[in-house]
């Protein structure tokens, strides 16, 4: 009996602790007049209706960039914010604002420190469009926090978005180089030596030009999954069992691209692989394009092959 009494008292104390630890500070609404105001404001933004947008904002409205590191940022006033909104309408084709998949806006009315009865509305959206001048596509997630007054006017907007796409647009207004293209380079030499090693069926030598962790991709693969060097060796073995390589001929000339962005090193090359199918002695010309990525040590770390697999049927 004493044990039961002790257990009962413990449970009651736990319930009392939980009740005191969890305190309600307002209400969250999935339907609320403020949500309708925010939706109407976004619709006016997409339509480019500046006067209608202005009708939803208070005279002392401020708009803030939520990702800014400037602690003294005073935000944009009403007119500056409206001008900024018009930039999207004026400079984007196919401009739209859609709800992020699976999301919906919330209206939150706090009890604490909210003497004026203001309501916060938070939204999660996808902003879409194509920049008219640069052709940069925008398909970016965006989050906004709205503060609305008792009479359902938007007093504050704090915006969180992807700045990278905006930076891409700004960079695209001027011509800019992104590295150097070579038609003679040691990495090009490596590709040629590797291809002609395959032509001579010297597979051991051909594989020495690859990094041990190299990945191989094939444009004809239905899953587009990469293969390891070990898996590629097994595939090459199967190919040589079915086909006999008569010659491998370069088409045009290979290019080596050393990109400034990302420091990527890529050799792209074009070839005609002349093979004989052993089963019926049929001669086949297989045009193929390779893109091979190199590391700093001059080893191939990734190979992408583009060709028409139907030619081998």
C-alpha atoms as a PDB file:
ATOM      1  CA  UNK A   1       0.000   0.000   0.000  1.00  0.00           C
ATOM      2  CA  UNK A   2       2.847   2.320   0.870  1.00  0.00           C
ATOM      3  CA  UNK A   3       4.490   1.578  -2.489  1.00  0.00           C
ATOM      4  CA  UNK A   4       1.262   2.399  -4.368  1.00  0.00           C
ATOM      5  CA  UNK A   5       0.900   5.640  -2.429  1.00  0.00           C
ATOM      6  CA  UNK A   6       4.494   6.615  -3.181  1.00  0.00           C
ATOM      7  CA  UNK A   7       4.009   5.860  -6.883  1.00  0.00           C
ATOM      8  CA  UNK A   8       0.790   7.898  -6.995  1.00  0.00           C
ATOM      9  CA  UNK A   9       2.448  10.887  -5.350  1.00  0.00           C
ATOM     10  CA  UNK A  10       5.379  10.667  -7.777  1.00  0.00           C
ATOM     11  CA  UNK A  11       3.025  10.697 -10.762  1.00  0.00           C
ATOM     12  CA  UNK A  12       1.118  13.697  -9.402  1.00  0.00           C
ATOM     13  CA  UNK A  13       4.374  15.600  -8.825  1.00  0.00           C
ATOM     14  CA  UNK A  14       5.504  14.790 -12.383  1.00  0.00           C
ATOM     15  CA  UNK A  15       2.206  16.039 -13.825  1.00  0.00           C
ATOM     16  CA  UNK A  16       2.490  19.226 -11.784  1.00  0.00           C
ATOM     17  CA  UNK A  17       6.090  19.718 -13.008  1.00  0.00           C
ATOM     18  CA  UNK A  18       5.113  19.247 -16.651  1.00  0.00           C
ATOM     19  CA  UNK A  19       2.179  21.625 -16.259  1.00  0.00           C
ATOM     20  CA  UNK A  20       4.434  24.301 -14.809  1.00  0.00           C
ATOM     21  CA  UNK A  21       7.188  23.701 -17.406  1.00  0.00           C
ATOM     22  CA  UNK A  22       4.850  24.050 -20.387  1.00  0.00           C
ATOM     23  CA  UNK A  23       3.253  27.456 -20.610  1.00  0.00           C
ATOM     24  CA  UNK A  24       1.093  28.574 -23.483  1.00  0.00           C
ATOM     25  CA  UNK A  25       2.139  31.858 -25.114  1.00  0.00           C
ATOM     26  CA  UNK A  26      -0.521  32.431 -27.696  1.00  0.00           C
ATOM     27  CA  UNK A  27      -2.240  30.653 -30.560  1.00  0.00           C
ATOM     28  CA  UNK A  28      -1.286  29.336 -33.987  1.00  0.00           C
ATOM     29  CA  UNK A  29      -3.860  29.498 -36.789  1.00  0.00           C
ATOM     30  CA  UNK A  30      -4.009  27.722 -40.126  1.00  0.00           C
ATOM     31  CA  UNK A  31      -6.871  30.028 -41.172  1.00  0.00           C
ATOM     32  CA  UNK A  32      -6.804  33.694 -40.248  1.00  0.00           C
ATOM     33  CA  UNK A  33      -7.591  37.054 -41.908  1.00  0.00           C
ATOM     34  CA  UNK A  34      -3.908  37.996 -41.759  1.00  0.00           C
ATOM     35  CA  UNK A  35      -3.022  34.970 -43.906  1.00  0.00           C
ATOM     36  CA  UNK A  36      -5.471  36.202 -46.532  1.00  0.00           C
ATOM     37  CA  UNK A  37      -3.829  39.643 -46.456  1.00  0.00           C
ATOM     38  CA  UNK A  38      -0.381  38.135 -46.989  1.00  0.00           C
ATOM     39  CA  UNK A  39      -1.670  35.997 -49.872  1.00  0.00           C
ATOM     40  CA  UNK A  40      -3.296  39.032 -51.498  1.00  0.00           C
ATOM     41  CA  UNK A  41      -0.062  40.979 -51.093  1.00  0.00           C
ATOM     42  CA  UNK A  42       1.930  38.198 -52.802  1.00  0.00           C
ATOM     43  CA  UNK A  43      -0.628  38.040 -55.631  1.00  0.00           C
ATOM     44  CA  UNK A  44      -0.304  41.807 -56.151  1.00  0.00           C
ATOM     45  CA  UNK A  45       3.492  41.398 -56.200  1.00  0.00           C
ATOM     46  CA  UNK A  46       3.334  38.788 -58.967  1.00  0.00           C
ATOM     47  CA  UNK A  47       0.870  40.969 -60.893  1.00  0.00           C
ATOM     48  CA  UNK A  48       3.176  43.988 -60.565  1.00  0.00           C
ATOM     49  CA  UNK A  49       0.378  46.056 -58.995  1.00  0.00           C
ATOM     50  CA  UNK A  50       2.432  48.513 -56.942  1.00  0.00           C
ATOM     51  CA  UNK A  51      -0.491  50.579 -55.692  1.00  0.00           C
ATOM     52  CA  UNK A  52      -2.329  47.486 -54.495  1.00  0.00           C
ATOM     53  CA  UNK A  53       0.788  46.234 -52.722  1.00  0.00           C
ATOM     54  CA  UNK A  54       1.110  49.627 -51.047  1.00  0.00           C
ATOM     55  CA  UNK A  55      -2.456  49.403 -49.769  1.00  0.00           C
ATOM     56  CA  UNK A  56      -1.522  46.412 -47.621  1.00  0.00           C
ATOM     57  CA  UNK A  57       1.459  48.137 -45.941  1.00  0.00           C
ATOM     58  CA  UNK A  58       1.510  50.591 -43.039  1.00  0.00           C
ATOM     59  CA  UNK A  59       3.001  54.028 -43.619  1.00  0.00           C
ATOM     60  CA  UNK A  60       5.873  53.227 -41.225  1.00  0.00           C
ATOM     61  CA  UNK A  61       6.513  49.833 -42.841  1.00  0.00           C
ATOM     62  CA  UNK A  62      10.047  48.371 -42.752  1.00  0.00           C
ATOM     63  CA  UNK A  63      11.445  45.478 -44.787  1.00  0.00           C
ATOM     64  CA  UNK A  64      14.510  43.560 -43.607  1.00  0.00           C
ATOM     65  CA  UNK A  65      16.934  41.037 -45.072  1.00  0.00           C
ATOM     66  CA  UNK A  66      16.962  38.173 -42.575  1.00  0.00           C
ATOM     67  CA  UNK A  67      20.384  36.967 -43.718  1.00  0.00           C
ATOM     68  CA  UNK A  68      22.116  40.330 -43.305  1.00  0.00           C
ATOM     69  CA  UNK A  69      25.090  40.427 -40.936  1.00  0.00           C
ATOM     70  CA  UNK A  70      24.728  44.199 -40.479  1.00  0.00           C
ATOM     71  CA  UNK A  71      23.408  44.633 -36.939  1.00  0.00           C
ATOM     72  CA  UNK A  72      22.729  48.323 -37.607  1.00  0.00           C
ATOM     73  CA  UNK A  73      20.603  47.594 -40.683  1.00  0.00           C
ATOM     74  CA  UNK A  74      17.484  49.757 -40.482  1.00  0.00           C
ATOM     75  CA  UNK A  75      15.816  47.972 -43.382  1.00  0.00           C
ATOM     76  CA  UNK A  76      13.925  49.453 -46.311  1.00  0.00           C
ATOM     77  CA  UNK A  77      11.097  51.903 -45.973  1.00  0.00           C
ATOM     78  CA  UNK A  78       7.777  51.411 -47.728  1.00  0.00           C
ATOM     79  CA  UNK A  79       8.691  53.027 -51.049  1.00  0.00           C
ATOM     80  CA  UNK A  80      12.092  51.335 -51.304  1.00  0.00           C
ATOM     81  CA  UNK A  81      10.574  47.944 -50.541  1.00  0.00           C
ATOM     82  CA  UNK A  82       7.857  48.386 -53.144  1.00  0.00           C
ATOM     83  CA  UNK A  83      10.462  49.368 -55.746  1.00  0.00           C
ATOM     84  CA  UNK A  84      12.412  46.230 -54.854  1.00  0.00           C
ATOM     85  CA  UNK A  85       9.295  44.099 -55.296  1.00  0.00           C
ATOM     86  CA  UNK A  86       8.692  45.613 -58.733  1.00  0.00           C
ATOM     87  CA  UNK A  87      12.184  44.508 -59.824  1.00  0.00           C
ATOM     88  CA  UNK A  88      11.016  40.894 -59.747  1.00  0.00           C
ATOM     89  CA  UNK A  89       7.929  41.636 -61.829  1.00  0.00           C
ATOM     90  CA  UNK A  90       9.747  43.853 -64.315  1.00  0.00           C
ATOM     91  CA  UNK A  91      12.863  41.750 -64.795  1.00  0.00           C
ATOM     92  CA  UNK A  92      11.492  38.194 -64.720  1.00  0.00           C
ATOM     93  CA  UNK A  93       9.538  36.261 -67.301  1.00  0.00           C
ATOM     94  CA  UNK A  94       7.141  33.618 -65.919  1.00  0.00           C
ATOM     95  CA  UNK A  95       7.363  35.173 -62.459  1.00  0.00           C
ATOM     96  CA  UNK A  96       5.417  33.263 -59.806  1.00  0.00           C
ATOM     97  CA  UNK A  97       5.311  32.674 -56.067  1.00  0.00           C
ATOM     98  CA  UNK A  98       4.088  29.245 -55.001  1.00  0.00           C
ATOM     99  CA  UNK A  99       3.810  27.490 -51.667  1.00  0.00           C
ATOM    100  CA  UNK A 100       6.778  25.249 -50.947  1.00  0.00           C
ATOM    101  CA  UNK A 101       5.591  21.648 -51.492  1.00  0.00           C
ATOM    102  CA  UNK A 102       3.955  20.310 -48.342  1.00  0.00           C
ATOM    103  CA  UNK A 103       3.938  23.676 -46.556  1.00  0.00           C
ATOM    104  CA  UNK A 104       1.285  26.215 -45.649  1.00  0.00           C
ATOM    105  CA  UNK A 105       1.362  29.616 -43.913  1.00  0.00           C
ATOM    106  CA  UNK A 106       0.839  29.999 -40.174  1.00  0.00           C
ATOM    107  CA  UNK A 107      -0.589  32.936 -38.268  1.00  0.00           C
ATOM    108  CA  UNK A 108       0.781  33.293 -34.730  1.00  0.00           C
ATOM    109  CA  UNK A 109      -0.742  35.541 -32.104  1.00  0.00           C
ATOM    110  CA  UNK A 110       1.540  35.864 -29.080  1.00  0.00           C
ATOM    111  CA  UNK A 111       0.285  36.700 -25.601  1.00  0.00           C
ATOM    112  CA  UNK A 112       3.552  37.853 -24.056  1.00  0.00           C
ATOM    113  CA  UNK A 113       5.003  41.274 -24.909  1.00  0.00           C
ATOM    114  CA  UNK A 114       2.279  41.948 -27.457  1.00  0.00           C
ATOM    115  CA  UNK A 115       0.273  44.900 -26.126  1.00  0.00           C
ATOM    116  CA  UNK A 116      -0.893  45.958 -29.605  1.00  0.00           C
ATOM    117  CA  UNK A 117      -2.260  42.528 -30.525  1.00  0.00           C
ATOM    118  CA  UNK A 118      -0.007  42.129 -33.554  1.00  0.00           C
ATOM    119  CA  UNK A 119       0.005  38.864 -35.499  1.00  0.00           C
ATOM    120  CA  UNK A 120       2.984  37.143 -37.128  1.00  0.00           C
ATOM    121  CA  UNK A 121       2.469  35.265 -40.391  1.00  0.00           C
ATOM    122  CA  UNK A 122       5.218  32.954 -41.623  1.00  0.00           C
ATOM    123  CA  UNK A 123       5.362  31.586 -45.157  1.00  0.00           C
ATOM    124  CA  UNK A 124       7.523  29.097 -47.046  1.00  0.00           C
ATOM    125  CA  UNK A 125       7.489  29.646 -50.793  1.00  0.00           C
ATOM    126  CA  UNK A 126       9.132  28.832 -54.108  1.00  0.00           C
ATOM    127  CA  UNK A 127      10.007  31.932 -56.137  1.00  0.00           C
ATOM    128  CA  UNK A 128      10.200  31.133 -59.841  1.00  0.00           C
ATOM    129  CA  UNK A 129      11.036  32.948 -63.056  1.00  0.00           C
ATOM    130  CA  UNK A 130      13.586  33.487 -65.834  1.00  0.00           C
ATOM    131  CA  UNK A 131      15.629  36.670 -65.865  1.00  0.00           C
ATOM    132  CA  UNK A 132      14.791  38.546 -69.053  1.00  0.00           C
ATOM    133  CA  UNK A 133      18.314  39.794 -69.777  1.00  0.00           C
ATOM    134  CA  UNK A 134      20.618  36.997 -68.593  1.00  0.00           C
ATOM    135  CA  UNK A 135      18.381  33.943 -68.961  1.00  0.00           C
ATOM    136  CA  UNK A 136      19.231  32.829 -65.425  1.00  0.00           C
ATOM    137  CA  UNK A 137      16.471  30.574 -64.088  1.00  0.00           C
ATOM    138  CA  UNK A 138      15.155  31.229 -60.593  1.00  0.00           C
ATOM    139  CA  UNK A 139      13.614  28.275 -58.781  1.00  0.00           C
ATOM    140  CA  UNK A 140      14.512  29.080 -55.201  1.00  0.00           C
ATOM    141  CA  UNK A 141      13.041  28.512 -51.773  1.00  0.00           C
ATOM    142  CA  UNK A 142      12.163  31.622 -49.771  1.00  0.00           C
ATOM    143  CA  UNK A 143      10.910  32.198 -46.238  1.00  0.00           C
ATOM    144  CA  UNK A 144       9.225  35.329 -44.931  1.00  0.00           C
ATOM    145  CA  UNK A 145       8.034  36.586 -41.564  1.00  0.00           C
ATOM    146  CA  UNK A 146       5.252  39.181 -41.677  1.00  0.00           C
ATOM    147  CA  UNK A 147       4.072  41.305 -38.765  1.00  0.00           C
ATOM    148  CA  UNK A 148       0.508  42.598 -39.105  1.00  0.00           C
ATOM    149  CA  UNK A 149      -1.310  45.181 -37.019  1.00  0.00           C
ATOM    150  CA  UNK A 150      -4.728  44.832 -35.410  1.00  0.00           C
ATOM    151  CA  UNK A 151      -6.333  46.306 -38.525  1.00  0.00           C
ATOM    152  CA  UNK A 152      -4.545  43.716 -40.724  1.00  0.00           C
ATOM    153  CA  UNK A 153      -1.891  45.985 -42.217  1.00  0.00           C
ATOM    154  CA  UNK A 154       1.594  44.631 -42.868  1.00  0.00           C
ATOM    155  CA  UNK A 155       4.018  46.461 -40.603  1.00  0.00           C
ATOM    156  CA  UNK A 156       7.190  44.406 -41.090  1.00  0.00           C
ATOM    157  CA  UNK A 157       8.551  41.816 -43.535  1.00  0.00           C
ATOM    158  CA  UNK A 158      11.720  39.845 -42.807  1.00  0.00           C
ATOM    159  CA  UNK A 159      12.889  37.947 -45.899  1.00  0.00           C
ATOM    160  CA  UNK A 160      15.156  34.903 -46.068  1.00  0.00           C
ATOM    161  CA  UNK A 161      16.227  33.716 -49.504  1.00  0.00           C
ATOM    162  CA  UNK A 162      18.903  32.253 -51.733  1.00  0.00           C
ATOM    163  CA  UNK A 163      21.371  35.012 -52.590  1.00  0.00           C
ATOM    164  CA  UNK A 164      23.414  32.805 -54.917  1.00  0.00           C
ATOM    165  CA  UNK A 165      20.939  33.068 -57.782  1.00  0.00           C
ATOM    166  CA  UNK A 166      20.831  36.866 -57.404  1.00  0.00           C
ATOM    167  CA  UNK A 167      24.627  36.968 -57.454  1.00  0.00           C
ATOM    168  CA  UNK A 168      24.557  34.790 -60.589  1.00  0.00           C
ATOM    169  CA  UNK A 169      22.252  37.288 -62.294  1.00  0.00           C
ATOM    170  CA  UNK A 170      24.454  40.228 -61.353  1.00  0.00           C
ATOM    171  CA  UNK A 171      27.584  38.449 -62.584  1.00  0.00           C
ATOM    172  CA  UNK A 172      25.923  37.625 -65.906  1.00  0.00           C
ATOM    173  CA  UNK A 173      25.635  41.246 -67.006  1.00  0.00           C
ATOM    174  CA  UNK A 174      29.332  41.331 -67.938  1.00  0.00           C
ATOM    175  CA  UNK A 175      31.517  38.930 -69.894  1.00  0.00           C
ATOM    176  CA  UNK A 176      33.736  36.935 -67.570  1.00  0.00           C
ATOM    177  CA  UNK A 177      36.334  34.262 -68.191  1.00  0.00           C
ATOM    178  CA  UNK A 178      36.290  31.046 -66.175  1.00  0.00           C
ATOM    179  CA  UNK A 179      39.646  29.461 -66.748  1.00  0.00           C
ATOM    180  CA  UNK A 180      41.775  28.394 -69.696  1.00  0.00           C
ATOM    181  CA  UNK A 181      41.211  26.019 -72.622  1.00  0.00           C
ATOM    182  CA  UNK A 182      44.217  24.080 -73.878  1.00  0.00           C
ATOM    183  CA  UNK A 183      44.588  22.076 -77.077  1.00  0.00           C
ATOM    184  CA  UNK A 184      47.940  20.693 -75.903  1.00  0.00           C
ATOM    185  CA  UNK A 185      48.434  19.615 -72.311  1.00  0.00           C
ATOM    186  CA  UNK A 186      49.789  16.702 -70.312  1.00  0.00           C
ATOM    187  CA  UNK A 187      46.252  15.634 -69.381  1.00  0.00           C
ATOM    188  CA  UNK A 188      45.379  15.474 -73.087  1.00  0.00           C
ATOM    189  CA  UNK A 189      48.465  13.319 -73.602  1.00  0.00           C
ATOM    190  CA  UNK A 190      47.212  11.013 -70.855  1.00  0.00           C
ATOM    191  CA  UNK A 191      43.835  10.560 -72.556  1.00  0.00           C
ATOM    192  CA  UNK A 192      45.468   9.761 -75.891  1.00  0.00           C
ATOM    193  CA  UNK A 193      47.853   7.218 -74.314  1.00  0.00           C
ATOM    194  CA  UNK A 194      44.972   5.597 -72.459  1.00  0.00           C
ATOM    195  CA  UNK A 195      42.765   5.335 -75.566  1.00  0.00           C
ATOM    196  CA  UNK A 196      45.506   3.829 -77.712  1.00  0.00           C
ATOM    197  CA  UNK A 197      46.389   1.379 -74.948  1.00  0.00           C
ATOM    198  CA  UNK A 198      42.810   0.126 -75.230  1.00  0.00           C
ATOM    199  CA  UNK A 199      43.225  -0.032 -79.003  1.00  0.00           C
ATOM    200  CA  UNK A 200      46.220  -2.325 -78.508  1.00  0.00           C
ATOM    201  CA  UNK A 201      44.337  -4.345 -75.853  1.00  0.00           C
ATOM    202  CA  UNK A 202      46.955  -3.338 -73.299  1.00  0.00           C
ATOM    203  CA  UNK A 203      44.396  -3.061 -70.516  1.00  0.00           C
ATOM    204  CA  UNK A 204      46.878  -3.108 -67.648  1.00  0.00           C
ATOM    205  CA  UNK A 205      48.575   0.000 -69.006  1.00  0.00           C
ATOM    206  CA  UNK A 206      45.273   1.708 -69.799  1.00  0.00           C
ATOM    207  CA  UNK A 207      44.068   1.362 -66.218  1.00  0.00           C
ATOM    208  CA  UNK A 208      47.218   2.957 -64.788  1.00  0.00           C
ATOM    209  CA  UNK A 209      45.972   6.362 -65.933  1.00  0.00           C
ATOM    210  CA  UNK A 210      42.974   6.188 -63.584  1.00  0.00           C
ATOM    211  CA  UNK A 211      42.846   7.000 -59.897  1.00  0.00           C
ATOM    212  CA  UNK A 212      42.042   3.895 -57.863  1.00  0.00           C
ATOM    213  CA  UNK A 213      38.803   5.532 -56.705  1.00  0.00           C
ATOM    214  CA  UNK A 214      37.724   6.661 -60.180  1.00  0.00           C
ATOM    215  CA  UNK A 215      34.034   6.569 -61.061  1.00  0.00           C
ATOM    216  CA  UNK A 216      32.623   5.696 -64.490  1.00  0.00           C
ATOM    217  CA  UNK A 217      29.304   6.952 -65.867  1.00  0.00           C
ATOM    218  CA  UNK A 218      27.526   5.899 -69.044  1.00  0.00           C
ATOM    219  CA  UNK A 219      24.923   8.001 -70.881  1.00  0.00           C
ATOM    220  CA  UNK A 220      23.100   4.826 -71.940  1.00  0.00           C
ATOM    221  CA  UNK A 221      22.650   3.604 -68.371  1.00  0.00           C
ATOM    222  CA  UNK A 222      18.963   3.594 -67.368  1.00  0.00           C
ATOM    223  CA  UNK A 223      19.887   4.358 -63.750  1.00  0.00           C
ATOM    224  CA  UNK A 224      22.807   6.695 -64.522  1.00  0.00           C
ATOM    225  CA  UNK A 225      24.682   5.186 -61.580  1.00  0.00           C
ATOM    226  CA  UNK A 226      28.444   5.350 -61.460  1.00  0.00           C
ATOM    227  CA  UNK A 227      30.704   2.294 -61.499  1.00  0.00           C
ATOM    228  CA  UNK A 228      33.956   1.704 -59.656  1.00  0.00           C
ATOM    229  CA  UNK A 229      37.213   0.908 -61.447  1.00  0.00           C
ATOM    230  CA  UNK A 230      36.815  -2.764 -60.498  1.00  0.00           C
ATOM    231  CA  UNK A 231      33.292  -2.841 -61.931  1.00  0.00           C
ATOM    232  CA  UNK A 232      34.449  -1.072 -65.094  1.00  0.00           C
ATOM    233  CA  UNK A 233      37.190  -3.652 -65.597  1.00  0.00           C
ATOM    234  CA  UNK A 234      34.582  -6.425 -65.494  1.00  0.00           C
ATOM    235  CA  UNK A 235      32.436  -4.543 -68.017  1.00  0.00           C
ATOM    236  CA  UNK A 236      35.434  -3.998 -70.326  1.00  0.00           C
ATOM    237  CA  UNK A 237      36.185  -7.714 -70.130  1.00  0.00           C
ATOM    238  CA  UNK A 238      32.654  -8.511 -71.316  1.00  0.00           C
ATOM    239  CA  UNK A 239      32.970  -6.012 -74.174  1.00  0.00           C
ATOM    240  CA  UNK A 240      36.241  -7.509 -75.402  1.00  0.00           C
ATOM    241  CA  UNK A 241      34.637 -10.967 -75.319  1.00  0.00           C
ATOM    242  CA  UNK A 242      31.933  -9.770 -77.742  1.00  0.00           C
ATOM    243  CA  UNK A 243      33.803  -7.249 -79.891  1.00  0.00           C
ATOM    244  CA  UNK A 244      37.205  -6.880 -81.476  1.00  0.00           C
ATOM    245  CA  UNK A 245      38.642  -3.350 -81.691  1.00  0.00           C
ATOM    246  CA  UNK A 246      40.162  -2.694 -85.100  1.00  0.00           C
ATOM    247  CA  UNK A 247      41.098   0.955 -84.505  1.00  0.00           C
ATOM    248  CA  UNK A 248      40.318   4.013 -82.427  1.00  0.00           C
ATOM    249  CA  UNK A 249      40.441   7.277 -84.365  1.00  0.00           C
ATOM    250  CA  UNK A 250      40.324  10.734 -82.830  1.00  0.00           C
ATOM    251  CA  UNK A 251      37.727  13.134 -84.258  1.00  0.00           C
ATOM    252  CA  UNK A 252      38.857  16.747 -84.300  1.00  0.00           C
ATOM    253  CA  UNK A 253      41.076  17.301 -81.282  1.00  0.00           C
ATOM    254  CA  UNK A 254      40.697  16.995 -77.509  1.00  0.00           C
ATOM    255  CA  UNK A 255      40.301  20.062 -75.294  1.00  0.00           C
ATOM    256  CA  UNK A 256      41.579  20.456 -71.762  1.00  0.00           C
ATOM    257  CA  UNK A 257      39.550  22.897 -69.678  1.00  0.00           C
ATOM    258  CA  UNK A 258      41.001  24.140 -66.418  1.00  0.00           C
ATOM    259  CA  UNK A 259      38.135  25.960 -64.747  1.00  0.00           C
ATOM    260  CA  UNK A 260      38.738  28.852 -62.390  1.00  0.00           C
ATOM    261  CA  UNK A 261      35.486  28.168 -60.544  1.00  0.00           C
ATOM    262  CA  UNK A 262      35.882  24.981 -58.546  1.00  0.00           C
ATOM    263  CA  UNK A 263      39.422  24.428 -59.894  1.00  0.00           C
ATOM    264  CA  UNK A 264      38.021  21.602 -62.064  1.00  0.00           C
ATOM    265  CA  UNK A 265      40.256  19.898 -64.646  1.00  0.00           C
ATOM    266  CA  UNK A 266      38.371  18.355 -67.568  1.00  0.00           C
ATOM    267  CA  UNK A 267      39.476  16.775 -70.847  1.00  0.00           C
ATOM    268  CA  UNK A 268      36.761  16.395 -73.446  1.00  0.00           C
ATOM    269  CA  UNK A 269      37.438  14.328 -76.524  1.00  0.00           C
ATOM    270  CA  UNK A 270      35.653  12.790 -79.523  1.00  0.00           C
ATOM    271  CA  UNK A 271      36.446   9.428 -81.118  1.00  0.00           C
ATOM    272  CA  UNK A 272      35.294   6.838 -83.639  1.00  0.00           C
ATOM    273  CA  UNK A 273      35.806   3.332 -82.285  1.00  0.00           C
ATOM    274  CA  UNK A 274      35.879   0.814 -85.140  1.00  0.00           C
ATOM    275  CA  UNK A 275      34.881  -2.624 -83.898  1.00  0.00           C
ATOM    276  CA  UNK A 276      33.940  -6.033 -85.273  1.00  0.00           C
ATOM    277  CA  UNK A 277      31.148  -7.953 -83.575  1.00  0.00           C
ATOM    278  CA  UNK A 278      32.517 -11.462 -83.133  1.00  0.00           C
ATOM    279  CA  UNK A 279      29.153 -13.239 -83.364  1.00  0.00           C
ATOM    280  CA  UNK A 280      28.438 -12.212 -86.978  1.00  0.00           C
ATOM    281  CA  UNK A 281      31.625 -10.346 -88.035  1.00  0.00           C
ATOM    282  CA  UNK A 282      29.633  -7.141 -88.499  1.00  0.00           C
ATOM    283  CA  UNK A 283      31.730  -3.959 -88.689  1.00  0.00           C
ATOM    284  CA  UNK A 284      30.457  -1.160 -86.460  1.00  0.00           C
ATOM    285  CA  UNK A 285      31.595   2.439 -86.145  1.00  0.00           C
ATOM    286  CA  UNK A 286      30.816   3.747 -82.675  1.00  0.00           C
ATOM    287  CA  UNK A 287      31.104   7.537 -82.290  1.00  0.00           C
ATOM    288  CA  UNK A 288      31.790   8.365 -78.657  1.00  0.00           C
ATOM    289  CA  UNK A 289      32.389  11.484 -76.593  1.00  0.00           C
ATOM    290  CA  UNK A 290      34.274  11.423 -73.290  1.00  0.00           C
ATOM    291  CA  UNK A 291      34.477  13.920 -70.489  1.00  0.00           C
ATOM    292  CA  UNK A 292      37.222  13.005 -68.040  1.00  0.00           C
ATOM    293  CA  UNK A 293      37.940  14.823 -64.796  1.00  0.00           C
ATOM    294  CA  UNK A 294      41.511  14.883 -63.503  1.00  0.00           C
ATOM    295  CA  UNK A 295      42.974  15.457 -60.064  1.00  0.00           C
ATOM    296  CA  UNK A 296      46.061  17.567 -59.361  1.00  0.00           C
ATOM    297  CA  UNK A 297      48.241  14.473 -59.666  1.00  0.00           C
ATOM    298  CA  UNK A 298      47.173  13.962 -63.289  1.00  0.00           C
ATOM    299  CA  UNK A 299      45.008  10.875 -62.664  1.00  0.00           C
ATOM    300  CA  UNK A 300      41.502  10.448 -64.084  1.00  0.00           C
ATOM    301  CA  UNK A 301      38.985  10.539 -61.236  1.00  0.00           C
ATOM    302  CA  UNK A 302      35.777  10.519 -63.258  1.00  0.00           C
ATOM    303  CA  UNK A 303      34.829   9.422 -66.771  1.00  0.00           C
ATOM    304  CA  UNK A 304      31.563  10.183 -68.529  1.00  0.00           C
ATOM    305  CA  UNK A 305      30.909   8.420 -71.862  1.00  0.00           C
ATOM    306  CA  UNK A 306      28.267   9.609 -74.349  1.00  0.00           C
ATOM    307  CA  UNK A 307      27.319   7.270 -77.200  1.00  0.00           C
ATOM    308  CA  UNK A 308      24.386   5.587 -78.940  1.00  0.00           C
ATOM    309  CA  UNK A 309      24.087   2.119 -77.388  1.00  0.00           C
ATOM    310  CA  UNK A 310      21.642   1.042 -80.136  1.00  0.00           C
ATOM    311  CA  UNK A 311      24.556   0.893 -82.576  1.00  0.00           C
ATOM    312  CA  UNK A 312      25.783  -2.152 -80.679  1.00  0.00           C
ATOM    313  CA  UNK A 313      22.491  -4.084 -81.053  1.00  0.00           C
END
